[in-house]
């Protein structure tokens, strides 16, 4: 089996991974981890005001994640997975929503 893979079938490869997992708990930890691990990046607007706009934040993050995935592939130290890009971006989006909710609550005080 080739160790250096390029998986560009969104969601299909993750579903196949979940089917092959030892347990649902393991699958949840790995897939959920891809989301939760990137939620703090949704708060980057507090540090970099230009990233307070969702469009700018998502463009920056998707670009960075894609570069990291490509580096994994070309360095042969990992697998390029479109699912990782989707799940990581979803995590950033959730973090952004939480940040906006926090700002809205403090705005009303």
Protein backbone atom coordinates (compact mmCIF):
# COMPACT_ATOMS: atom_id res chain seq x y z
CA UNK A 1 0.00 0.00 0.00
CA UNK A 2 1.23 3.49 -0.85
CA UNK A 3 1.96 5.54 2.28
CA UNK A 4 1.71 8.84 0.44
CA UNK A 5 -1.92 9.25 -0.56
CA UNK A 6 -4.00 11.98 -2.09
CA UNK A 7 -7.66 11.58 -1.11
CA UNK A 8 -9.96 14.00 -2.87
CA UNK A 9 -13.28 12.23 -2.33
CA UNK A 10 -14.87 14.53 0.24
CA UNK A 11 -16.73 12.76 3.02
CA UNK A 12 -16.41 9.31 1.37
CA UNK A 13 -12.94 8.70 2.78
CA UNK A 14 -14.06 9.83 6.25
CA UNK A 15 -17.11 7.55 6.13
CA UNK A 16 -14.88 4.65 5.06
CA UNK A 17 -12.51 5.50 7.91
CA UNK A 18 -15.39 5.50 10.41
CA UNK A 19 -16.57 2.09 9.13
CA UNK A 20 -13.08 0.69 9.62
CA UNK A 21 -12.57 2.20 13.08
CA UNK A 22 -12.23 0.03 16.13
CA UNK A 23 -15.08 1.87 17.84
CA UNK A 24 -17.45 4.79 17.37
CA UNK A 25 -15.66 6.50 20.24
CA UNK A 26 -12.36 6.41 18.31
CA UNK A 27 -14.06 7.75 15.19
CA UNK A 28 -15.75 10.53 17.16
CA UNK A 29 -12.48 11.54 18.83
CA UNK A 30 -10.59 11.70 15.54
CA UNK A 31 -13.27 13.37 13.41
CA UNK A 32 -14.44 15.62 16.26
CA UNK A 33 -10.84 16.42 17.07
CA UNK A 34 -10.35 17.80 13.55
CA UNK A 35 -13.20 20.22 14.24
CA UNK A 36 -12.51 21.15 17.88
CA UNK A 37 -8.77 21.58 17.33
CA UNK A 38 -9.41 24.42 14.86
CA UNK A 39 -12.16 26.27 16.75
CA UNK A 40 -9.66 28.64 18.45
CA UNK A 41 -8.69 29.97 15.01
CA UNK A 42 -12.18 31.46 14.80
CA UNK A 43 -11.05 33.93 17.47
CA UNK A 44 -8.17 35.32 15.37
CA UNK A 45 -10.22 38.47 14.69
CA UNK A 46 -9.47 39.60 18.24
CA UNK A 47 -5.77 39.62 17.40
CA UNK A 48 -5.89 40.52 13.71
CA UNK A 49 -8.81 42.91 13.01
CA UNK A 50 -8.83 42.10 9.28
CA UNK A 51 -9.86 38.55 10.21
CA UNK A 52 -12.98 39.84 11.96
CA UNK A 53 -14.74 39.42 8.60
CA UNK A 54 -15.81 35.82 8.01
CA UNK A 55 -14.87 35.86 4.32
CA UNK A 56 -11.30 37.03 5.06
CA UNK A 57 -10.92 34.56 7.92
CA UNK A 58 -12.12 31.58 5.89
CA UNK A 59 -9.98 32.52 2.87
CA UNK A 60 -6.89 32.80 5.09
CA UNK A 61 -7.57 29.58 6.98
CA UNK A 62 -8.48 27.48 3.94
CA UNK A 63 -5.32 28.70 2.22
CA UNK A 64 -3.16 27.82 5.24
CA UNK A 65 -4.77 24.40 5.72
CA UNK A 66 -4.37 23.59 2.03
CA UNK A 67 -0.69 24.53 2.18
CA UNK A 68 -0.18 22.30 5.24
CA UNK A 69 -2.00 19.41 3.53
CA UNK A 70 0.13 19.89 0.40
CA UNK A 71 3.31 19.95 2.49
CA UNK A 72 2.26 16.67 4.10
CA UNK A 73 1.80 15.14 0.67
CA UNK A 74 4.96 16.45 -0.97
CA UNK A 75 7.17 15.78 2.05
CA UNK A 76 5.75 12.25 2.23
CA UNK A 77 5.06 12.77 5.94
CA UNK A 78 1.31 12.48 5.65
CA UNK A 79 -1.77 12.29 3.49
CA UNK A 80 -3.49 15.11 1.60
CA UNK A 81 -7.16 14.85 2.57
CA UNK A 82 -9.88 17.16 1.39
CA UNK A 83 -11.93 16.00 4.39
CA UNK A 84 -9.35 17.53 6.72
CA UNK A 85 -9.72 20.86 4.94
CA UNK A 86 -13.52 20.67 5.24
CA UNK A 87 -13.55 19.59 8.91
CA UNK A 88 -10.86 22.09 9.94
CA UNK A 89 -12.68 24.91 8.16
CA UNK A 90 -15.94 23.91 9.87
CA UNK A 91 -14.10 24.11 13.21
CA UNK A 92 -12.90 27.64 12.40
CA UNK A 93 -16.44 28.61 11.38
CA UNK A 94 -17.85 27.29 14.69
CA UNK A 95 -15.17 29.20 16.60
CA UNK A 96 -16.09 32.35 14.67
CA UNK A 97 -19.77 31.89 15.58
CA UNK A 98 -18.87 31.44 19.25
CA UNK A 99 -16.69 34.57 19.12
CA UNK A 100 -19.53 36.59 17.59
CA UNK A 101 -21.93 35.27 20.24
CA UNK A 102 -19.51 36.29 23.03
CA UNK A 103 -19.10 39.75 21.50
CA UNK A 104 -22.87 40.15 21.22
CA UNK A 105 -23.39 39.21 24.89
CA UNK A 106 -20.74 41.67 26.11
CA UNK A 107 -22.04 44.36 23.77
CA UNK A 108 -25.35 44.32 25.63
CA UNK A 109 -23.77 44.80 29.07
